[in-house]
PDB file of all heavy atoms in Angstrom:
ATOM      1  N   ILE A   1      35.159 -32.832 -44.379  1.00  0.00           N
ATOM      2  CA  ILE A   1      34.475 -32.257 -43.221  1.00  0.00           C
ATOM      3  C   ILE A   1      34.806 -33.042 -41.959  1.00  0.00           C
ATOM      4  O   ILE A   1      35.101 -32.469 -40.898  1.00  0.00           O
ATOM      5  CB  ILE A   1      32.951 -32.223 -43.452  1.00  0.00           C
ATOM      6  CG1 ILE A   1      32.607 -31.203 -44.547  1.00  0.00           C
ATOM      7  CG2 ILE A   1      32.202 -31.888 -42.160  1.00  0.00           C
ATOM      8  CD1 ILE A   1      31.155 -31.235 -44.988  1.00  0.00           C
ATOM      9  N   ARG A   2      34.799 -34.372 -42.073  1.00  0.00           N
ATOM     10  CA  ARG A   2      35.125 -35.209 -40.912  1.00  0.00           C
ATOM     11  C   ARG A   2      36.569 -34.981 -40.462  1.00  0.00           C
ATOM     12  O   ARG A   2      36.867 -34.935 -39.262  1.00  0.00           O
ATOM     13  CB  ARG A   2      34.895 -36.682 -41.240  1.00  0.00           C
ATOM     14  CG  ARG A   2      33.426 -37.036 -41.467  1.00  0.00           C
ATOM     15  CD  ARG A   2      33.237 -38.541 -41.598  1.00  0.00           C
ATOM     16  NE  ARG A   2      31.874 -38.870 -41.971  1.00  0.00           N
ATOM     17  CZ  ARG A   2      31.454 -39.143 -43.201  1.00  0.00           C
ATOM     18  NH1 ARG A   2      32.353 -39.144 -44.214  1.00  0.00           N
ATOM     19  NH2 ARG A   2      30.190 -39.417 -43.445  1.00  0.00           N
ATOM     20  N   GLN A   3      37.495 -34.861 -41.452  1.00  0.00           N
ATOM     21  CA  GLN A   3      38.892 -34.605 -41.113  1.00  0.00           C
ATOM     22  C   GLN A   3      39.048 -33.252 -40.408  1.00  0.00           C
ATOM     23  O   GLN A   3      39.792 -33.126 -39.423  1.00  0.00           O
ATOM     24  CB  GLN A   3      39.751 -34.644 -42.377  1.00  0.00           C
ATOM     25  CG  GLN A   3      39.883 -36.026 -43.001  1.00  0.00           C
ATOM     26  CD  GLN A   3      40.548 -35.983 -44.362  1.00  0.00           C
ATOM     27  OE1 GLN A   3      41.117 -34.968 -44.759  1.00  0.00           O
ATOM     28  NE2 GLN A   3      40.474 -37.084 -45.101  1.00  0.00           N
ATOM     29  N   ALA A   4      38.348 -32.245 -40.920  1.00  0.00           N
ATOM     30  CA  ALA A   4      38.423 -30.911 -40.319  1.00  0.00           C
ATOM     31  C   ALA A   4      37.875 -30.924 -38.893  1.00  0.00           C
ATOM     32  O   ALA A   4      38.450 -30.333 -37.975  1.00  0.00           O
ATOM     33  CB  ALA A   4      37.650 -29.906 -41.177  1.00  0.00           C
ATOM     34  N   TRP A   5      36.736 -31.629 -38.710  1.00  0.00           N
ATOM     35  CA  TRP A   5      36.132 -31.714 -37.372  1.00  0.00           C
ATOM     36  C   TRP A   5      37.048 -32.462 -36.414  1.00  0.00           C
ATOM     37  O   TRP A   5      37.183 -32.085 -35.257  1.00  0.00           O
ATOM     38  CB  TRP A   5      34.777 -32.406 -37.472  1.00  0.00           C
ATOM     39  CG  TRP A   5      34.115 -32.590 -36.132  1.00  0.00           C
ATOM     40  CD1 TRP A   5      33.472 -31.647 -35.405  1.00  0.00           C
ATOM     41  CD2 TRP A   5      34.064 -33.801 -35.375  1.00  0.00           C
ATOM     42  NE1 TRP A   5      33.013 -32.187 -34.227  1.00  0.00           N
ATOM     43  CE2 TRP A   5      33.360 -33.508 -34.177  1.00  0.00           C
ATOM     44  CE3 TRP A   5      34.530 -35.098 -35.587  1.00  0.00           C
ATOM     45  CZ2 TRP A   5      33.121 -34.477 -33.212  1.00  0.00           C
ATOM     46  CZ3 TRP A   5      34.293 -36.054 -34.607  1.00  0.00           C
ATOM     47  CH2 TRP A   5      33.591 -35.737 -33.439  1.00  0.00           C
ATOM     48  N   GLU A   6      37.678 -33.528 -36.899  1.00  0.00           N
ATOM     49  CA  GLU A   6      38.588 -34.298 -36.050  1.00  0.00           C
ATOM     50  C   GLU A   6      39.786 -33.445 -35.634  1.00  0.00           C
ATOM     51  O   GLU A   6      40.243 -33.516 -34.489  1.00  0.00           O
ATOM     52  CB  GLU A   6      39.062 -35.551 -36.795  1.00  0.00           C
ATOM     53  CG  GLU A   6      39.967 -36.472 -35.976  1.00  0.00           C
ATOM     54  CD  GLU A   6      39.253 -37.107 -34.787  1.00  0.00           C
ATOM     55  OE1 GLU A   6      37.999 -37.116 -34.768  1.00  0.00           O
ATOM     56  OE2 GLU A   6      39.948 -37.599 -33.886  1.00  0.00           O
ATOM     57  N   MET A   7      40.285 -32.608 -36.549  1.00  0.00           N
ATOM     58  CA  MET A   7      41.397 -31.714 -36.211  1.00  0.00           C
ATOM     59  C   MET A   7      40.966 -30.733 -35.119  1.00  0.00           C
ATOM     60  O   MET A   7      41.709 -30.484 -34.158  1.00  0.00           O
ATOM     61  CB  MET A   7      41.880 -30.948 -37.446  1.00  0.00           C
ATOM     62  CG  MET A   7      42.951 -29.905 -37.119  1.00  0.00           C
ATOM     63  SD  MET A   7      43.600 -29.070 -38.570  1.00  0.00           S
ATOM     64  CE  MET A   7      44.699 -30.331 -39.204  1.00  0.00           C
ATOM     65  N   THR A   8      39.748 -30.182 -35.250  1.00  0.00           N
ATOM     66  CA  THR A   8      39.233 -29.260 -34.242  1.00  0.00           C
ATOM     67  C   THR A   8      39.115 -29.955 -32.893  1.00  0.00           C
ATOM     68  O   THR A   8      39.492 -29.410 -31.850  1.00  0.00           O
ATOM     69  CB  THR A   8      37.862 -28.713 -34.666  1.00  0.00           C
ATOM     70  OG1 THR A   8      37.995 -28.005 -35.905  1.00  0.00           O
ATOM     71  CG2 THR A   8      37.293 -27.776 -33.611  1.00  0.00           C
ATOM     72  N   ARG A   9      38.569 -31.189 -32.916  1.00  0.00           N
ATOM     73  CA  ARG A   9      38.379 -31.940 -31.675  1.00  0.00           C
ATOM     74  C   ARG A   9      39.721 -32.227 -30.997  1.00  0.00           C
ATOM     75  O   ARG A   9      39.864 -32.073 -29.777  1.00  0.00           O
ATOM     76  CB  ARG A   9      37.647 -33.246 -31.971  1.00  0.00           C
ATOM     77  CG  ARG A   9      37.131 -33.981 -30.742  1.00  0.00           C
ATOM     78  CD  ARG A   9      36.435 -35.266 -31.142  1.00  0.00           C
ATOM     79  NE  ARG A   9      37.353 -36.221 -31.723  1.00  0.00           N
ATOM     80  CZ  ARG A   9      38.146 -37.015 -31.018  1.00  0.00           C
ATOM     81  NH1 ARG A   9      38.143 -36.967 -29.696  1.00  0.00           N
ATOM     82  NH2 ARG A   9      38.969 -37.871 -31.616  1.00  0.00           N
ATOM     83  N   LEU A  10      40.710 -32.636 -31.791  1.00  0.00           N
ATOM     84  CA  LEU A  10      42.020 -32.930 -31.230  1.00  0.00           C
ATOM     85  C   LEU A  10      42.702 -31.674 -30.694  1.00  0.00           C
ATOM     86  O   LEU A  10      43.358 -31.708 -29.643  1.00  0.00           O
ATOM     87  CB  LEU A  10      42.908 -33.596 -32.288  1.00  0.00           C
ATOM     88  CG  LEU A  10      42.500 -35.017 -32.713  1.00  0.00           C
ATOM     89  CD1 LEU A  10      43.367 -35.491 -33.873  1.00  0.00           C
ATOM     90  CD2 LEU A  10      42.605 -35.984 -31.535  1.00  0.00           C
ATOM     91  N   GLU A  11      42.541 -30.556 -31.398  1.00  0.00           N
ATOM     92  CA  GLU A  11      43.138 -29.300 -30.954  1.00  0.00           C
ATOM     93  C   GLU A  11      42.496 -28.826 -29.655  1.00  0.00           C
ATOM     94  O   GLU A  11      43.179 -28.354 -28.739  1.00  0.00           O
ATOM     95  CB  GLU A  11      42.978 -28.228 -32.039  1.00  0.00           C
ATOM     96  CG  GLU A  11      43.578 -26.872 -31.689  1.00  0.00           C
ATOM     97  CD  GLU A  11      45.084 -26.913 -31.500  1.00  0.00           C
ATOM     98  OE1 GLU A  11      45.727 -27.882 -31.942  1.00  0.00           O
ATOM     99  OE2 GLU A  11      45.617 -25.955 -30.909  1.00  0.00           O
ATOM    100  N   THR A  12      41.161 -28.993 -29.571  1.00  0.00           N
ATOM    101  CA  THR A  12      40.464 -28.620 -28.339  1.00  0.00           C
ATOM    102  C   THR A  12      40.939 -29.485 -27.176  1.00  0.00           C
ATOM    103  O   THR A  12      41.186 -28.988 -26.073  1.00  0.00           O
ATOM    104  CB  THR A  12      38.940 -28.775 -28.513  1.00  0.00           C
ATOM    105  OG1 THR A  12      38.504 -27.921 -29.571  1.00  0.00           O
ATOM    106  CG2 THR A  12      38.200 -28.417 -27.234  1.00  0.00           C
ATOM    107  N   ALA A  13      41.069 -30.794 -27.426  1.00  0.00           N
ATOM    108  CA  ALA A  13      41.539 -31.708 -26.376  1.00  0.00           C
ATOM    109  C   ALA A  13      42.958 -31.355 -25.950  1.00  0.00           C
ATOM    110  O   ALA A  13      43.299 -31.407 -24.763  1.00  0.00           O
ATOM    111  CB  ALA A  13      41.473 -33.144 -26.880  1.00  0.00           C
ATOM    112  N   ARG A  14      43.791 -30.985 -26.929  1.00  0.00           N
ATOM    113  CA  ARG A  14      45.172 -30.623 -26.612  1.00  0.00           C
ATOM    114  C   ARG A  14      45.218 -29.374 -25.733  1.00  0.00           C
ATOM    115  O   ARG A  14      45.979 -29.314 -24.747  1.00  0.00           O
ATOM    116  CB  ARG A  14      45.954 -30.370 -27.904  1.00  0.00           C
ATOM    117  CG  ARG A  14      47.439 -30.137 -27.694  1.00  0.00           C
ATOM    118  CD  ARG A  14      48.105 -29.612 -28.948  1.00  0.00           C
ATOM    119  NE  ARG A  14      47.625 -28.291 -29.298  1.00  0.00           N
ATOM    120  CZ  ARG A  14      48.011 -27.164 -28.690  1.00  0.00           C
ATOM    121  NH1 ARG A  14      48.888 -27.225 -27.692  1.00  0.00           N
ATOM    122  NH2 ARG A  14      47.547 -26.010 -29.063  1.00  0.00           N
ATOM    123  N   LYS A  15      44.393 -28.377 -26.060  1.00  0.00           N
ATOM    124  CA  LYS A  15      44.365 -27.154 -25.256  1.00  0.00           C
ATOM    125  C   LYS A  15      43.838 -27.427 -23.846  1.00  0.00           C
ATOM    126  O   LYS A  15      44.351 -26.885 -22.869  1.00  0.00           O
ATOM    127  CB  LYS A  15      43.490 -26.091 -25.947  1.00  0.00           C
ATOM    128  CG  LYS A  15      44.102 -25.529 -27.213  1.00  0.00           C
ATOM    129  CD  LYS A  15      43.193 -24.499 -27.846  1.00  0.00           C
ATOM    130  CE  LYS A  15      43.820 -23.904 -29.103  1.00  0.00           C
ATOM    131  NZ  LYS A  15      42.917 -22.914 -29.760  1.00  0.00           N
ATOM    132  N   GLN A  16      42.814 -28.285 -23.763  1.00  0.00           N
ATOM    133  CA  GLN A  16      42.273 -28.619 -22.443  1.00  0.00           C
ATOM    134  C   GLN A  16      43.308 -29.359 -21.601  1.00  0.00           C
ATOM    135  O   GLN A  16      43.438 -29.115 -20.397  1.00  0.00           O
ATOM    136  CB  GLN A  16      41.006 -29.466 -22.595  1.00  0.00           C
ATOM    137  CG  GLN A  16      39.815 -28.699 -23.156  1.00  0.00           C
ATOM    138  CD  GLN A  16      38.625 -29.595 -23.430  1.00  0.00           C
ATOM    139  OE1 GLN A  16      38.752 -30.827 -23.513  1.00  0.00           O
ATOM    140  NE2 GLN A  16      37.456 -28.995 -23.593  1.00  0.00           N
ATOM    141  N   GLU A  17      44.048 -30.271 -22.269  1.00  0.00           N
ATOM    142  CA  GLU A  17      45.083 -31.014 -21.550  1.00  0.00           C
ATOM    143  C   GLU A  17      46.187 -30.075 -21.078  1.00  0.00           C
ATOM    144  O   GLU A  17      46.680 -30.189 -19.953  1.00  0.00           O
ATOM    145  CB  GLU A  17      45.667 -32.094 -22.460  1.00  0.00           C
ATOM    146  CG  GLU A  17      46.730 -32.955 -21.792  1.00  0.00           C
ATOM    147  CD  GLU A  17      47.327 -33.994 -22.725  1.00  0.00           C
ATOM    148  OE1 GLU A  17      46.820 -34.121 -23.860  1.00  0.00           O
ATOM    149  OE2 GLU A  17      48.281 -34.654 -22.319  1.00  0.00           O
ATOM    150  N   ALA A  18      46.564 -29.108 -21.944  1.00  0.00           N
ATOM    151  CA  ALA A  18      47.612 -28.159 -21.569  1.00  0.00           C
ATOM    152  C   ALA A  18      47.144 -27.273 -20.418  1.00  0.00           C
ATOM    153  O   ALA A  18      47.915 -26.997 -19.483  1.00  0.00           O
ATOM    154  CB  ALA A  18      47.985 -27.292 -22.779  1.00  0.00           C
ATOM    155  N   ALA A  19      45.868 -26.838 -20.451  1.00  0.00           N
ATOM    156  CA  ALA A  19      45.333 -26.004 -19.376  1.00  0.00           C
ATOM    157  C   ALA A  19      45.286 -26.784 -18.069  1.00  0.00           C
ATOM    158  O   ALA A  19      45.620 -26.251 -16.997  1.00  0.00           O
ATOM    159  CB  ALA A  19      43.937 -25.498 -19.748  1.00  0.00           C
ATOM    160  N   LEU A  20      44.864 -28.064 -18.155  1.00  0.00           N
ATOM    161  CA  LEU A  20      44.820 -28.906 -16.963  1.00  0.00           C
ATOM    162  C   LEU A  20      46.216 -29.112 -16.394  1.00  0.00           C
ATOM    163  O   LEU A  20      46.425 -29.043 -15.171  1.00  0.00           O
ATOM    164  CB  LEU A  20      44.188 -30.256 -17.299  1.00  0.00           C
ATOM    165  CG  LEU A  20      44.129 -31.285 -16.159  1.00  0.00           C
ATOM    166  CD1 LEU A  20      43.323 -30.739 -14.989  1.00  0.00           C
ATOM    167  CD2 LEU A  20      43.549 -32.599 -16.652  1.00  0.00           C
ATOM    168  N   ARG A  21      47.179 -29.339 -17.280  1.00  0.00           N
ATOM    169  CA  ARG A  21      48.556 -29.539 -16.831  1.00  0.00           C
ATOM    170  C   ARG A  21      49.081 -28.284 -16.129  1.00  0.00           C
ATOM    171  O   ARG A  21      49.727 -28.356 -15.077  1.00  0.00           O
ATOM    172  CB  ARG A  21      49.453 -29.883 -18.019  1.00  0.00           C
ATOM    173  CG  ARG A  21      50.872 -30.284 -17.610  1.00  0.00           C
ATOM    174  CD  ARG A  21      51.781 -30.504 -18.794  1.00  0.00           C
ATOM    175  NE  ARG A  21      51.237 -31.478 -19.717  1.00  0.00           N
ATOM    176  CZ  ARG A  21      50.807 -31.199 -20.941  1.00  0.00           C
ATOM    177  NH1 ARG A  21      50.868 -29.936 -21.386  1.00  0.00           N
ATOM    178  NH2 ARG A  21      50.328 -32.143 -21.734  1.00  0.00           N
ATOM    179  N   ASN A  22      48.767 -27.119 -16.720  1.00  0.00           N
ATOM    180  CA  ASN A  22      49.206 -25.865 -16.104  1.00  0.00           C
ATOM    181  C   ASN A  22      48.580 -25.678 -14.731  1.00  0.00           C
ATOM    182  O   ASN A  22      49.246 -25.222 -13.786  1.00  0.00           O
ATOM    183  CB  ASN A  22      48.855 -24.677 -17.008  1.00  0.00           C
ATOM    184  CG  ASN A  22      49.723 -24.616 -18.239  1.00  0.00           C
ATOM    185  OD1 ASN A  22      50.833 -25.138 -18.249  1.00  0.00           O
ATOM    186  ND2 ASN A  22      49.229 -23.976 -19.289  1.00  0.00           N
ATOM    187  N   ARG A  23      47.273 -26.010 -14.607  1.00  0.00           N
ATOM    188  CA  ARG A  23      46.602 -25.868 -13.310  1.00  0.00           C
ATOM    189  C   ARG A  23      47.205 -26.809 -12.275  1.00  0.00           C
ATOM    190  O   ARG A  23      47.415 -26.431 -11.119  1.00  0.00           O
ATOM    191  CB  ARG A  23      45.099 -26.133 -13.451  1.00  0.00           C
ATOM    192  CG  ARG A  23      44.330 -25.027 -14.159  1.00  0.00           C
ATOM    193  CD  ARG A  23      42.841 -25.141 -13.890  1.00  0.00           C
ATOM    194  NE  ARG A  23      42.290 -26.384 -14.374  1.00  0.00           N
ATOM    195  CZ  ARG A  23      41.813 -26.563 -15.600  1.00  0.00           C
ATOM    196  NH1 ARG A  23      41.831 -25.565 -16.467  1.00  0.00           N
ATOM    197  NH2 ARG A  23      41.300 -27.726 -15.972  1.00  0.00           N
ATOM    198  N   LEU A  24      47.481 -28.048 -12.700  1.00  0.00           N
ATOM    199  CA  LEU A  24      48.070 -29.018 -11.775  1.00  0.00           C
ATOM    200  C   LEU A  24      49.468 -28.590 -11.337  1.00  0.00           C
ATOM    201  O   LEU A  24      49.830 -28.708 -10.161  1.00  0.00           O
ATOM    202  CB  LEU A  24      48.130 -30.402 -12.427  1.00  0.00           C
ATOM    203  CG  LEU A  24      46.788 -31.111 -12.628  1.00  0.00           C
ATOM    204  CD1 LEU A  24      46.983 -32.409 -13.404  1.00  0.00           C
ATOM    205  CD2 LEU A  24      46.122 -31.400 -11.288  1.00  0.00           C
ATOM    206  N   GLU A  25      50.248 -28.085 -12.301  1.00  0.00           N
ATOM    207  CA  GLU A  25      51.588 -27.620 -11.964  1.00  0.00           C
ATOM    208  C   GLU A  25      51.530 -26.451 -10.995  1.00  0.00           C
ATOM    209  O   GLU A  25      52.315 -26.375 -10.037  1.00  0.00           O
ATOM    210  CB  GLU A  25      52.347 -27.225 -13.238  1.00  0.00           C
ATOM    211  CG  GLU A  25      52.742 -28.415 -14.114  1.00  0.00           C
ATOM    212  CD  GLU A  25      53.366 -27.983 -15.424  1.00  0.00           C
ATOM    213  OE1 GLU A  25      53.389 -26.754 -15.703  1.00  0.00           O
ATOM    214  OE2 GLU A  25      53.834 -28.855 -16.177  1.00  0.00           O
ATOM    215  N   GLN A  26      50.572 -25.538 -11.222  1.00  0.00           N
ATOM    216  CA  GLN A  26      50.431 -24.391 -10.337  1.00  0.00           C
ATOM    217  C   GLN A  26      50.006 -24.834  -8.944  1.00  0.00           C
ATOM    218  O   GLN A  26      50.482 -24.317  -7.932  1.00  0.00           O
ATOM    219  CB  GLN A  26      49.414 -23.395 -10.905  1.00  0.00           C
ATOM    220  CG  GLN A  26      49.305 -22.101 -10.101  1.00  0.00           C
ATOM    221  CD  GLN A  26      50.631 -21.367 -10.020  1.00  0.00           C
ATOM    222  OE1 GLN A  26      51.305 -21.155 -11.020  1.00  0.00           O
ATOM    223  NE2 GLN A  26      51.019 -20.984  -8.795  1.00  0.00           N
ATOM    224  N   LYS A  27      49.089 -25.815  -8.892  1.00  0.00           N
ATOM    225  CA  LYS A  27      48.646 -26.328  -7.593  1.00  0.00           C
ATOM    226  C   LYS A  27      49.797 -26.996  -6.846  1.00  0.00           C
ATOM    227  O   LYS A  27      49.907 -26.886  -5.620  1.00  0.00           O
ATOM    228  CB  LYS A  27      47.489 -27.306  -7.775  1.00  0.00           C
ATOM    229  CG  LYS A  27      46.156 -26.632  -8.088  1.00  0.00           C
ATOM    230  CD  LYS A  27      45.029 -27.638  -8.132  1.00  0.00           C
ATOM    231  CE  LYS A  27      43.707 -26.950  -8.432  1.00  0.00           C
ATOM    232  NZ  LYS A  27      43.323 -26.021  -7.323  1.00  0.00           N
ATOM    233  N   MET A  28      50.665 -27.692  -7.590  1.00  0.00           N
ATOM    234  CA  MET A  28      51.827 -28.325  -6.949  1.00  0.00           C
ATOM    235  C   MET A  28      52.769 -27.261  -6.387  1.00  0.00           C
ATOM    236  O   MET A  28      53.279 -27.391  -5.266  1.00  0.00           O
ATOM    237  CB  MET A  28      52.566 -29.212  -7.952  1.00  0.00           C
ATOM    238  CG  MET A  28      51.807 -30.486  -8.330  1.00  0.00           C
ATOM    239  SD  MET A  28      52.665 -31.459  -9.590  1.00  0.00           S
ATOM    240  CE  MET A  28      54.147 -31.932  -8.678  1.00  0.00           C
ATOM    241  N   VAL A  29      52.979 -26.196  -7.171  1.00  0.00           N
ATOM    242  CA  VAL A  29      53.837 -25.105  -6.691  1.00  0.00           C
ATOM    243  C   VAL A  29      53.216 -24.459  -5.455  1.00  0.00           C
ATOM    244  O   VAL A  29      53.900 -24.213  -4.444  1.00  0.00           O
ATOM    245  CB  VAL A  29      54.046 -24.053  -7.801  1.00  0.00           C
ATOM    246  CG1 VAL A  29      54.734 -22.811  -7.242  1.00  0.00           C
ATOM    247  CG2 VAL A  29      54.854 -24.638  -8.951  1.00  0.00           C
ATOM    248  N   ASP A  30      51.898 -24.195  -5.527  1.00  0.00           N
ATOM    249  CA  ASP A  30      51.210 -23.580  -4.390  1.00  0.00           C
ATOM    250  C   ASP A  30      51.274 -24.479  -3.160  1.00  0.00           C
ATOM    251  O   ASP A  30      51.464 -24.004  -2.033  1.00  0.00           O
ATOM    252  CB  ASP A  30      49.744 -23.294  -4.742  1.00  0.00           C
ATOM    253  CG  ASP A  30      49.606 -22.148  -5.730  1.00  0.00           C
ATOM    254  OD1 ASP A  30      50.606 -21.421  -5.908  1.00  0.00           O
ATOM    255  OD2 ASP A  30      48.527 -21.999  -6.316  1.00  0.00           O
ATOM    256  N   ALA A  31      51.091 -25.804  -3.391  1.00  0.00           N
ATOM    257  CA  ALA A  31      51.110 -26.735  -2.265  1.00  0.00           C
ATOM    258  C   ALA A  31      52.480 -26.728  -1.584  1.00  0.00           C
ATOM    259  O   ALA A  31      52.581 -26.725  -0.347  1.00  0.00           O
ATOM    260  CB  ALA A  31      50.762 -28.143  -2.738  1.00  0.00           C
ATOM    261  N   GLU A  32      53.540 -26.718  -2.391  1.00  0.00           N
ATOM    262  CA  GLU A  32      54.889 -26.694  -1.822  1.00  0.00           C
ATOM    263  C   GLU A  32      55.131 -25.401  -1.044  1.00  0.00           C
ATOM    264  O   GLU A  32      55.708 -25.398   0.046  1.00  0.00           O
ATOM    265  CB  GLU A  32      55.927 -26.842  -2.935  1.00  0.00           C
ATOM    266  CG  GLU A  32      55.947 -28.235  -3.566  1.00  0.00           C
ATOM    267  CD  GLU A  32      56.901 -28.314  -4.749  1.00  0.00           C
ATOM    268  OE1 GLU A  32      57.535 -27.285  -5.062  1.00  0.00           O
ATOM    269  OE2 GLU A  32      57.004 -29.387  -5.357  1.00  0.00           O
ATOM    270  N   ARG A  33      54.659 -24.288  -1.616  1.00  0.00           N
ATOM    271  CA  ARG A  33      54.852 -22.998  -0.947  1.00  0.00           C
ATOM    272  C   ARG A  33      54.040 -22.935   0.344  1.00  0.00           C
ATOM    273  O   ARG A  33      54.496 -22.410   1.365  1.00  0.00           O
ATOM    274  CB  ARG A  33      54.460 -21.864  -1.885  1.00  0.00           C
ATOM    275  CG  ARG A  33      55.343 -21.764  -3.112  1.00  0.00           C
ATOM    276  CD  ARG A  33      54.799 -20.798  -4.127  1.00  0.00           C
ATOM    277  NE  ARG A  33      55.015 -19.410  -3.761  1.00  0.00           N
ATOM    278  CZ  ARG A  33      54.626 -18.383  -4.518  1.00  0.00           C
ATOM    279  NH1 ARG A  33      54.000 -18.610  -5.660  1.00  0.00           N
ATOM    280  NH2 ARG A  33      54.851 -17.156  -4.130  1.00  0.00           N
ATOM    281  N   LEU A  34      52.826 -23.491   0.297  1.00  0.00           N
ATOM    282  CA  LEU A  34      51.982 -23.496   1.492  1.00  0.00           C
ATOM    283  C   LEU A  34      52.580 -24.371   2.582  1.00  0.00           C
ATOM    284  O   LEU A  34      52.504 -24.042   3.767  1.00  0.00           O
ATOM    285  CB  LEU A  34      50.573 -23.975   1.143  1.00  0.00           C
ATOM    286  CG  LEU A  34      49.700 -22.966   0.390  1.00  0.00           C
ATOM    287  CD1 LEU A  34      48.414 -23.629  -0.084  1.00  0.00           C
ATOM    288  CD2 LEU A  34      49.392 -21.760   1.243  1.00  0.00           C
ATOM    289  N   MET A  35      53.159 -25.516   2.175  1.00  0.00           N
ATOM    290  CA  MET A  35      53.804 -26.374   3.162  1.00  0.00           C
ATOM    291  C   MET A  35      54.963 -25.647   3.827  1.00  0.00           C
ATOM    292  O   MET A  35      55.125 -25.690   5.054  1.00  0.00           O
ATOM    293  CB  MET A  35      54.292 -27.667   2.500  1.00  0.00           C
ATOM    294  CG  MET A  35      53.181 -28.652   2.138  1.00  0.00           C
ATOM    295  SD  MET A  35      53.803 -30.101   1.261  1.00  0.00           S
ATOM    296  CE  MET A  35      54.860 -30.821   2.532  1.00  0.00           C
ATOM    297  N   SER A  36      55.768 -24.963   3.017  1.00  0.00           N
ATOM    298  CA  SER A  36      56.891 -24.210   3.573  1.00  0.00           C
ATOM    299  C   SER A  36      56.394 -23.099   4.482  1.00  0.00           C
ATOM    300  O   SER A  36      56.911 -22.890   5.583  1.00  0.00           O
ATOM    301  CB  SER A  36      57.741 -23.611   2.438  1.00  0.00           C
ATOM    302  OG  SER A  36      58.268 -24.633   1.623  1.00  0.00           O
ATOM    303  N   LEU A  37      55.373 -22.388   4.006  1.00  0.00           N
ATOM    304  CA  LEU A  37      54.835 -21.289   4.793  1.00  0.00           C
ATOM    305  C   LEU A  37      54.191 -21.808   6.075  1.00  0.00           C
ATOM    306  O   LEU A  37      54.261 -21.174   7.132  1.00  0.00           O
ATOM    307  CB  LEU A  37      53.802 -20.508   3.974  1.00  0.00           C
ATOM    308  CG  LEU A  37      53.313 -19.197   4.584  1.00  0.00           C
ATOM    309  CD1 LEU A  37      54.476 -18.269   4.871  1.00  0.00           C
ATOM    310  CD2 LEU A  37      52.310 -18.536   3.671  1.00  0.00           C
ATOM    311  N   GLY A  38      53.561 -22.991   5.991  1.00  0.00           N
ATOM    312  CA  GLY A  38      52.962 -23.577   7.179  1.00  0.00           C
ATOM    313  C   GLY A  38      54.004 -23.867   8.240  1.00  0.00           C
ATOM    314  O   GLY A  38      53.794 -23.598   9.428  1.00  0.00           O
ATOM    315  N   THR A  39      55.149 -24.406   7.809  1.00  0.00           N
ATOM    316  CA  THR A  39      56.236 -24.685   8.753  1.00  0.00           C
ATOM    317  C   THR A  39      56.754 -23.395   9.378  1.00  0.00           C
ATOM    318  O   THR A  39      56.952 -23.302  10.600  1.00  0.00           O
ATOM    319  CB  THR A  39      57.386 -25.406   8.029  1.00  0.00           C
ATOM    320  OG1 THR A  39      56.883 -26.605   7.428  1.00  0.00           O
ATOM    321  CG2 THR A  39      58.504 -25.751   8.991  1.00  0.00           C
ATOM    322  N   ILE A  40      56.952 -22.380   8.534  1.00  0.00           N
ATOM    323  CA  ILE A  40      57.430 -21.088   9.041  1.00  0.00           C
ATOM    324  C   ILE A  40      56.413 -20.479   9.997  1.00  0.00           C
ATOM    325  O   ILE A  40      56.755 -19.961  11.058  1.00  0.00           O
ATOM    326  CB  ILE A  40      57.704 -20.126   7.868  1.00  0.00           C
ATOM    327  CG1 ILE A  40      58.869 -20.651   7.013  1.00  0.00           C
ATOM    328  CG2 ILE A  40      58.007 -18.727   8.370  1.00  0.00           C
ATOM    329  CD1 ILE A  40      59.055 -19.901   5.715  1.00  0.00           C
ATOM    330  N   SER A  41      55.121 -20.562   9.610  1.00  0.00           N
ATOM    331  CA  SER A  41      54.066 -19.958  10.423  1.00  0.00           C
ATOM    332  C   SER A  41      53.979 -20.591  11.792  1.00  0.00           C
ATOM    333  O   SER A  41      53.755 -19.914  12.801  1.00  0.00           O
ATOM    334  CB  SER A  41      52.713 -20.090   9.708  1.00  0.00           C
ATOM    335  OG  SER A  41      52.728 -19.418   8.482  1.00  0.00           O
ATOM    336  N   THR A  42      54.143 -21.921  11.842  1.00  0.00           N
ATOM    337  CA  THR A  42      54.116 -22.604  13.133  1.00  0.00           C
ATOM    338  C   THR A  42      55.234 -22.096  14.034  1.00  0.00           C
ATOM    339  O   THR A  42      55.023 -21.836  15.227  1.00  0.00           O
ATOM    340  CB  THR A  42      54.256 -24.123  12.927  1.00  0.00           C
ATOM    341  OG1 THR A  42      53.209 -24.574  12.075  1.00  0.00           O
ATOM    342  CG2 THR A  42      54.178 -24.865  14.247  1.00  0.00           C
ATOM    343  N   GLY A  43      56.417 -21.920  13.460  1.00  0.00           N
ATOM    344  CA  GLY A  43      57.538 -21.382  14.232  1.00  0.00           C
ATOM    345  C   GLY A  43      57.275 -19.963  14.697  1.00  0.00           C
ATOM    346  O   GLY A  43      57.552 -19.600  15.847  1.00  0.00           O
TER     347      GLY A  43
END
């Protein structure tokens, strides 16, 4: 039971880490696009 629970806990942590990584990557992409768009918009 403890082994099964530990597997669940690790899998949940892995999914949360992957979701966080995806959000951070998306924010980085958005930030780069916004910076580019900001430069264009100023012009």
